[in-house]
Amino acid sequence: MDNYARLSEKHKHFHALTGSTLEEFQALLPAFQTSFLKHIATYTLEGKKRWKRRYVEYCNSPLPTIEDKLLFILMYLRKATTQDIFGEVYRMPQPIANKWIHILHPCLSQALAALGEKPARSVQDLHLADEKGELFFQDGTERPIQRPKDPEIQGIFYSGKKKRHCIKNNVLVNRQAKIILLTPTCEGKKHDKKIADETGLTLPKGSSLCQDTGFQGFALANVTMIQPMKKPRGKELTPEQKENNRQISSLRIRVEHAIGGVKRYRIVKDQLRNRKDNFQDRAMETCCGLHNFRLNFRPWHYNADSIKP
């Protein structure tokens, strides 16, 4: 019996291993299958251009079905264990596990793009409905990395706030807690506001943008900025100011929930061991897409959509 047939009978176990319910898995499967077949019709498993010979699943393949292939890559993103252990689970050597990861991950990413769930990577790709009163949230998120060996480079990636070497992105989240913009991955030393300044963000006129105090001084034309008030040095906030900050926190919590939804996949939470070029950025993009896709089946509902001005 293949892994999918065995695990699909245990719904809670399946959810814990993949981050998806069986319903979500089956909904994602057709787009993933289309993406995989399109890739394998053009390239061999070794990544070379395919000529005359078409792809045929060999009899002793460790991933014999398309369900097993999707299960394999979802489990890798969810658990982010070493490829040696992952290969042992699927009864394949580590180099073969590594090869399948880098074949299937782009296919999953393309499937999410075809479903319209991947976040935009630049303001030019961000198409927002010009609706007055729309609410958005922005925040930064870090991911730990191994300490670079080069002394000059490691200083760039060291975050004094987190006391570790990391990489980071800013995210823009809509009212439904879907991530609609993911900035390019940058070094951990860069401040959230500087990333926001370099992004060149524009929002529809009359909308509101909620952010934390890390974006102090960031503002957009014709957009209402919702931000908690910092405590003045040597003074205290008034009870009214504290209450307003609490209301803002209850509103801004959805961006924290969205980031937490992405980091259910440990590939973007734990220290990443995969050093393939650009994999760190693409893994974050894919996990944001999986978070957005999941919200179609399990939407989050919030009571408060506005606060006192």
Protein backbone atom coordinates (compact mmCIF):
# COMPACT_ATOMS: atom_id res chain seq x y z
CA MET A 1 0.00 0.00 0.00
CA ASP A 2 1.40 3.45 -0.91
CA ASN A 3 1.81 6.21 1.70
CA TYR A 4 -1.20 8.23 0.57
CA ALA A 5 -3.57 5.25 0.68
CA ARG A 6 -2.33 4.41 4.18
CA LEU A 7 -2.38 7.93 5.66
CA SER A 8 -5.63 9.09 4.07
CA GLU A 9 -7.48 6.62 6.28
CA LYS A 10 -6.26 8.52 9.37
CA HIS A 11 -7.67 12.04 8.97
CA LYS A 12 -6.14 13.62 12.07
CA HIS A 13 -2.75 12.09 11.36
CA PHE A 14 -2.95 13.22 7.73
CA HIS A 15 -3.75 16.77 8.82
CA ALA A 16 -0.89 16.82 11.31
CA LEU A 17 1.64 15.63 8.71
CA THR A 18 0.60 17.86 5.80
CA GLY A 19 -1.15 20.89 7.31
CA SER A 20 -4.13 20.18 5.02
CA THR A 21 -7.38 18.33 5.45
CA LEU A 22 -8.27 15.58 2.98
CA GLU A 23 -10.78 17.94 1.33
CA GLU A 24 -8.12 20.63 0.82
CA PHE A 25 -5.64 18.05 -0.45
CA GLN A 26 -8.08 16.76 -3.06
CA ALA A 27 -8.95 20.32 -4.16
CA LEU A 28 -5.27 21.15 -4.68
CA LEU A 29 -4.47 17.86 -6.42
CA PRO A 30 -5.80 18.61 -9.98
CA ALA A 31 -3.80 21.84 -10.32
CA PHE A 32 -0.70 20.12 -8.94
CA GLN A 33 -1.13 17.20 -11.35
CA THR A 34 -1.44 19.58 -14.31
CA SER A 35 1.70 21.44 -13.23
CA PHE A 36 3.69 18.24 -12.71
CA LEU A 37 2.68 16.70 -16.05
CA LYS A 38 3.55 19.93 -17.85
CA HIS A 39 6.98 19.97 -16.18
CA ILE A 40 7.77 16.31 -16.75
CA ALA A 41 6.73 16.54 -20.41
CA THR A 42 9.47 19.14 -20.91
CA TYR A 43 12.23 17.99 -18.52
CA THR A 44 13.63 14.69 -17.28
CA LEU A 45 13.92 13.87 -13.58
CA GLU A 46 17.56 15.01 -13.81
CA GLY A 47 16.44 18.44 -15.04
CA LYS A 48 17.65 18.00 -18.63
CA LYS A 49 15.61 18.92 -21.68
CA ARG A 50 13.37 16.02 -22.72
CA TRP A 51 13.54 15.01 -26.38
CA LYS A 52 11.71 11.96 -27.77
CA ARG A 53 11.26 9.66 -24.81
CA ARG A 54 8.16 10.46 -22.79
CA TYR A 55 7.91 10.11 -19.01
CA VAL A 56 6.72 6.75 -17.68
CA GLU A 57 6.44 5.98 -13.97
CA TYR A 58 8.94 3.20 -13.26
CA CYS A 59 7.71 0.15 -11.37
CA ASN A 60 9.80 0.64 -8.21
CA SER A 61 9.26 4.40 -7.91
CA PRO A 62 9.17 5.57 -4.26
CA LEU A 63 6.38 8.00 -5.28
CA PRO A 64 4.20 5.87 -7.57
CA THR A 65 1.10 8.12 -7.72
CA ILE A 66 0.43 11.83 -8.08
CA GLU A 67 -1.16 11.72 -4.61
CA ASP A 68 2.09 10.41 -3.15
CA LYS A 69 4.05 13.17 -4.88
CA LEU A 70 1.86 15.92 -3.43
CA LEU A 71 1.89 14.23 -0.02
CA PHE A 72 5.71 14.07 -0.18
CA ILE A 73 6.25 17.79 -0.80
CA LEU A 74 3.57 18.91 1.67
CA MET A 75 5.11 16.75 4.39
CA TYR A 76 8.55 18.19 3.64
CA LEU A 77 7.28 21.78 3.96
CA ARG A 78 5.25 20.97 7.05
CA LYS A 79 7.90 19.08 9.02
CA ALA A 80 11.17 20.40 7.47
CA THR A 81 13.15 17.44 8.79
CA THR A 82 16.55 16.46 7.39
CA GLN A 83 16.51 14.82 4.00
CA ASP A 84 18.18 11.70 5.42
CA ILE A 85 15.25 11.06 7.75
CA PHE A 86 12.73 12.10 5.11
CA GLY A 87 14.31 9.74 2.60
CA GLU A 88 14.21 6.92 5.14
CA VAL A 89 10.46 7.42 5.63
CA TYR A 90 9.91 7.15 1.88
CA ARG A 91 12.55 4.43 1.44
CA MET A 92 14.84 6.40 -0.85
CA PRO A 93 18.46 7.61 -0.53
CA GLN A 94 19.06 11.22 0.52
CA PRO A 95 20.18 12.36 -2.99
CA ILE A 96 16.95 10.96 -4.47
CA ALA A 97 14.88 12.72 -1.78
CA ASN A 98 16.70 15.97 -2.56
CA LYS A 99 16.03 15.52 -6.29
CA TRP A 100 12.30 14.97 -5.76
CA ILE A 101 12.05 18.00 -3.44
CA HIS A 102 13.44 20.30 -6.11
CA ILE A 103 11.22 18.76 -8.80
CA LEU A 104 7.96 18.88 -6.85
CA HIS A 105 8.33 22.20 -5.01
CA PRO A 106 8.19 24.33 -8.21
CA CYS A 107 5.21 22.27 -9.37
CA LEU A 108 3.36 23.02 -6.14
CA SER A 109 4.25 26.71 -6.44
CA GLN A 110 2.95 26.83 -10.03
CA ALA A 111 -0.25 25.04 -8.97
CA LEU A 112 -0.93 27.69 -6.30
CA ALA A 113 -0.24 30.42 -8.85
CA ALA A 114 -2.73 28.84 -11.27
CA LEU A 115 -5.34 28.84 -8.48
CA GLY A 116 -4.64 32.54 -7.80
CA GLU A 117 -3.47 31.96 -4.23
CA LYS A 118 0.16 33.08 -4.38
CA PRO A 119 0.87 36.58 -3.05
CA ALA A 120 2.17 39.31 -5.34
CA ARG A 121 5.92 39.84 -5.09
CA SER A 122 5.96 43.50 -6.15
CA VAL A 123 3.60 46.47 -6.07
CA GLN A 124 3.32 46.29 -9.87
CA ASP A 125 1.78 42.80 -9.57
CA LEU A 126 -0.62 43.87 -6.82
CA HIS A 127 -4.07 44.57 -8.28
CA LEU A 128 -6.47 45.91 -5.66
CA ALA A 129 -10.10 46.86 -6.12
CA ASP A 130 -10.50 50.60 -5.70
CA GLU A 131 -12.98 50.36 -2.84
CA LYS A 132 -13.17 53.12 -0.27
CA GLY A 133 -12.94 51.95 3.31
CA GLU A 134 -10.94 48.75 2.59
CA LEU A 135 -8.73 47.63 5.47
CA PHE A 136 -5.14 46.33 5.14
CA PHE A 137 -2.41 45.26 7.55
CA GLN A 138 1.35 45.16 7.21
CA ASP A 139 4.04 43.60 9.36
CA GLY A 140 7.52 42.09 9.15
CA THR A 141 8.50 38.49 9.84
CA GLU A 142 11.90 36.87 10.36
CA ARG A 143 13.23 33.35 9.79
CA PRO A 144 16.45 31.99 11.33
CA ILE A 145 19.33 30.88 9.12
CA GLN A 146 22.70 29.30 9.77
CA ARG A 147 25.46 31.75 10.67
CA PRO A 148 27.30 32.75 7.46
CA LYS A 149 31.01 31.93 7.53
CA ASP A 150 32.06 35.22 5.94
CA PRO A 151 32.50 37.79 8.80
CA GLU A 152 31.29 40.69 6.65
CA ILE A 153 28.21 38.87 5.40
CA GLN A 154 27.25 37.51 8.81
CA GLY A 155 27.08 41.04 10.20
CA ILE A 156 24.49 41.97 7.58
CA PHE A 157 22.25 39.02 8.46
CA TYR A 158 22.51 39.46 12.25
CA SER A 159 19.34 40.87 13.80
CA GLY A 160 20.03 42.73 17.04
CA LYS A 161 16.35 42.48 17.92
CA LYS A 162 16.18 38.69 17.58
CA LYS A 163 19.81 38.08 18.65
CA ARG A 164 20.40 35.66 15.79
CA HIS A 165 21.14 35.51 12.08
CA CYS A 166 17.99 35.63 10.01
CA ILE A 167 16.29 36.72 6.83
CA LYS A 168 13.06 38.67 6.69
CA ASN A 169 10.09 39.80 4.60
CA ASN A 170 7.25 42.26 4.99
CA VAL A 171 3.72 41.06 4.32
CA LEU A 172 0.56 42.92 3.37
CA VAL A 173 -2.64 41.25 4.58
CA ASN A 174 -6.25 42.01 3.64
CA ARG A 175 -9.38 42.01 5.81
CA GLN A 176 -9.84 38.24 5.33
CA ALA A 177 -6.28 37.61 6.66
CA LYS A 178 -5.00 36.52 3.24
CA ILE A 179 -1.45 37.55 2.37
CA ILE A 180 -1.70 39.61 -0.82
CA LEU A 181 1.88 40.96 -0.98
CA LEU A 182 5.17 39.36 0.07
CA THR A 183 8.24 41.56 -0.31
CA PRO A 184 11.51 40.05 -1.58
CA THR A 185 13.57 38.25 1.06
CA CYS A 186 16.28 40.46 2.54
CA GLU A 187 18.91 40.39 5.28
CA GLY A 188 17.79 40.32 8.92
CA LYS A 189 19.55 43.58 9.80
CA LYS A 190 17.23 45.68 7.62
CA HIS A 191 14.47 47.52 9.47
CA ASP A 192 10.78 46.88 8.72
CA LYS A 193 10.17 50.53 7.83
CA LYS A 194 13.11 50.62 5.42
CA ILE A 195 11.73 47.56 3.63
CA ALA A 196 8.33 49.27 3.45
CA ASP A 197 9.91 52.46 2.06
CA GLU A 198 11.76 50.49 -0.63
CA THR A 199 8.61 48.54 -1.60
CA GLY A 200 6.86 51.63 -2.94
CA LEU A 201 3.48 50.50 -1.63
CA THR A 202 0.32 52.22 -2.87
CA LEU A 203 -3.21 51.51 -1.65
CA PRO A 204 -6.66 52.61 -2.89
CA LYS A 205 -7.71 56.11 -1.87
CA GLY A 206 -9.76 56.14 1.32
CA SER A 207 -8.50 52.76 2.59
CA SER A 208 -6.87 52.13 5.99
CA LEU A 209 -3.52 50.54 6.82
CA CYS A 210 -2.92 49.03 10.25
CA GLN A 211 0.69 48.58 11.41
CA ASP A 212 2.76 48.33 14.59
CA THR A 213 5.22 50.83 16.05
CA GLY A 214 8.06 49.33 14.00
CA PHE A 215 6.71 51.35 11.06
CA GLN A 216 6.81 54.67 12.94
CA GLY A 217 6.88 57.47 10.36
CA PHE A 218 5.63 55.38 7.45
CA ALA A 219 2.58 56.94 5.79
CA LEU A 220 0.72 56.78 2.47
CA ALA A 221 -1.16 59.55 0.69
CA ASN A 222 -4.96 59.45 1.08
CA VAL A 223 -4.72 56.41 3.37
CA THR A 224 -5.68 56.36 7.05
CA MET A 225 -2.81 55.01 9.15
CA ILE A 226 -3.83 53.00 12.22
CA GLN A 227 -0.92 52.61 14.63
CA PRO A 228 -0.59 52.31 18.41
CA MET A 229 0.86 55.24 20.32
CA LYS A 230 4.30 54.84 21.87
CA LYS A 231 4.77 55.63 25.54
CA PRO A 232 6.62 58.96 25.85
CA ARG A 233 10.01 58.75 27.51
CA GLY A 234 9.64 59.31 31.24
CA LYS A 235 5.85 59.61 31.00
CA GLU A 236 2.80 57.37 30.93
CA LEU A 237 -0.02 56.99 28.44
CA THR A 238 -3.44 58.24 29.49
CA PRO A 239 -6.22 55.67 30.11
CA GLU A 240 -7.87 56.75 26.84
CA GLN A 241 -4.63 56.19 24.91
CA LYS A 242 -4.15 52.77 26.51
CA GLU A 243 -7.68 51.79 25.59
CA ASN A 244 -7.14 52.95 22.01
CA ASN A 245 -3.94 50.86 21.83
CA ARG A 246 -5.87 47.81 23.05
CA GLN A 247 -8.46 48.31 20.33
CA ILE A 248 -5.75 48.61 17.70
CA SER A 249 -4.11 45.42 19.01
CA SER A 250 -7.40 43.53 18.76
CA LEU A 251 -7.69 44.71 15.16
CA ARG A 252 -4.07 44.09 14.20
CA ILE A 253 -4.06 40.55 15.59
CA ARG A 254 -5.21 39.17 12.24
CA VAL A 255 -1.82 39.93 10.63
CA GLU A 256 -0.17 37.98 13.47
CA HIS A 257 -2.62 35.15 12.84
CA ALA A 258 -1.78 35.22 9.12
CA ILE A 259 1.97 35.01 9.80
CA GLY A 260 1.29 32.20 12.28
CA GLY A 261 -0.76 30.42 9.61
CA VAL A 262 2.20 30.54 7.25
CA LYS A 263 4.61 29.33 9.92
CA ARG A 264 2.55 26.22 10.55
CA TYR A 265 4.94 24.97 7.88
CA ARG A 266 8.20 24.53 9.75
CA ILE A 267 10.25 25.07 6.61
CA VAL A 268 9.73 28.83 7.23
CA LYS A 269 9.87 28.66 11.03
CA ASP A 270 12.89 26.53 11.90
CA GLN A 271 16.44 27.09 10.74
CA LEU A 272 16.47 26.13 7.07
CA ARG A 273 19.13 23.60 6.04
CA ASN A 274 18.36 23.60 2.32
CA ARG A 275 20.98 25.84 0.70
CA LYS A 276 19.88 25.66 -2.91
CA ASP A 277 19.91 29.09 -4.56
CA ASN A 278 16.76 31.13 -3.87
CA PHE A 279 15.01 28.21 -2.12
CA GLN A 280 14.51 30.22 1.09
CA ASP A 281 12.55 32.91 -0.74
CA ARG A 282 10.51 30.47 -2.84
CA ALA A 283 9.62 28.35 0.19
CA MET A 284 8.18 31.40 1.96
CA GLU A 285 6.19 32.30 -1.16
CA THR A 286 4.78 28.75 -1.41
CA CYS A 287 3.80 28.62 2.26
CA CYS A 288 1.98 31.96 1.94
CA GLY A 289 0.08 30.48 -1.00
CA LEU A 290 -0.83 27.39 1.04
CA HIS A 291 -2.08 29.62 3.85
CA ASN A 292 -4.26 31.59 1.41
CA PHE A 293 -5.57 28.39 -0.17
CA ARG A 294 -6.49 26.94 3.21
CA LEU A 295 -8.57 30.01 4.12
CA ASN A 296 -10.95 29.20 1.27
CA PHE A 297 -12.03 26.13 3.23
CA ARG A 298 -11.56 27.44 6.77
CA PRO A 299 -12.18 31.21 6.72
CA TRP A 300 -11.42 33.20 9.85
CA HIS A 301 -14.08 35.50 11.25
CA TYR A 302 -13.36 38.61 13.29
CA ASN A 303 -15.95 40.66 15.16
CA ALA A 304 -14.25 44.08 15.17
CA ASP A 305 -13.56 45.64 11.78
CA SER A 306 -13.21 49.21 12.97
CA ILE A 307 -11.95 51.20 15.90
CA LYS A 308 -12.52 54.65 17.22
CA PRO A 309 -10.50 57.27 15.32
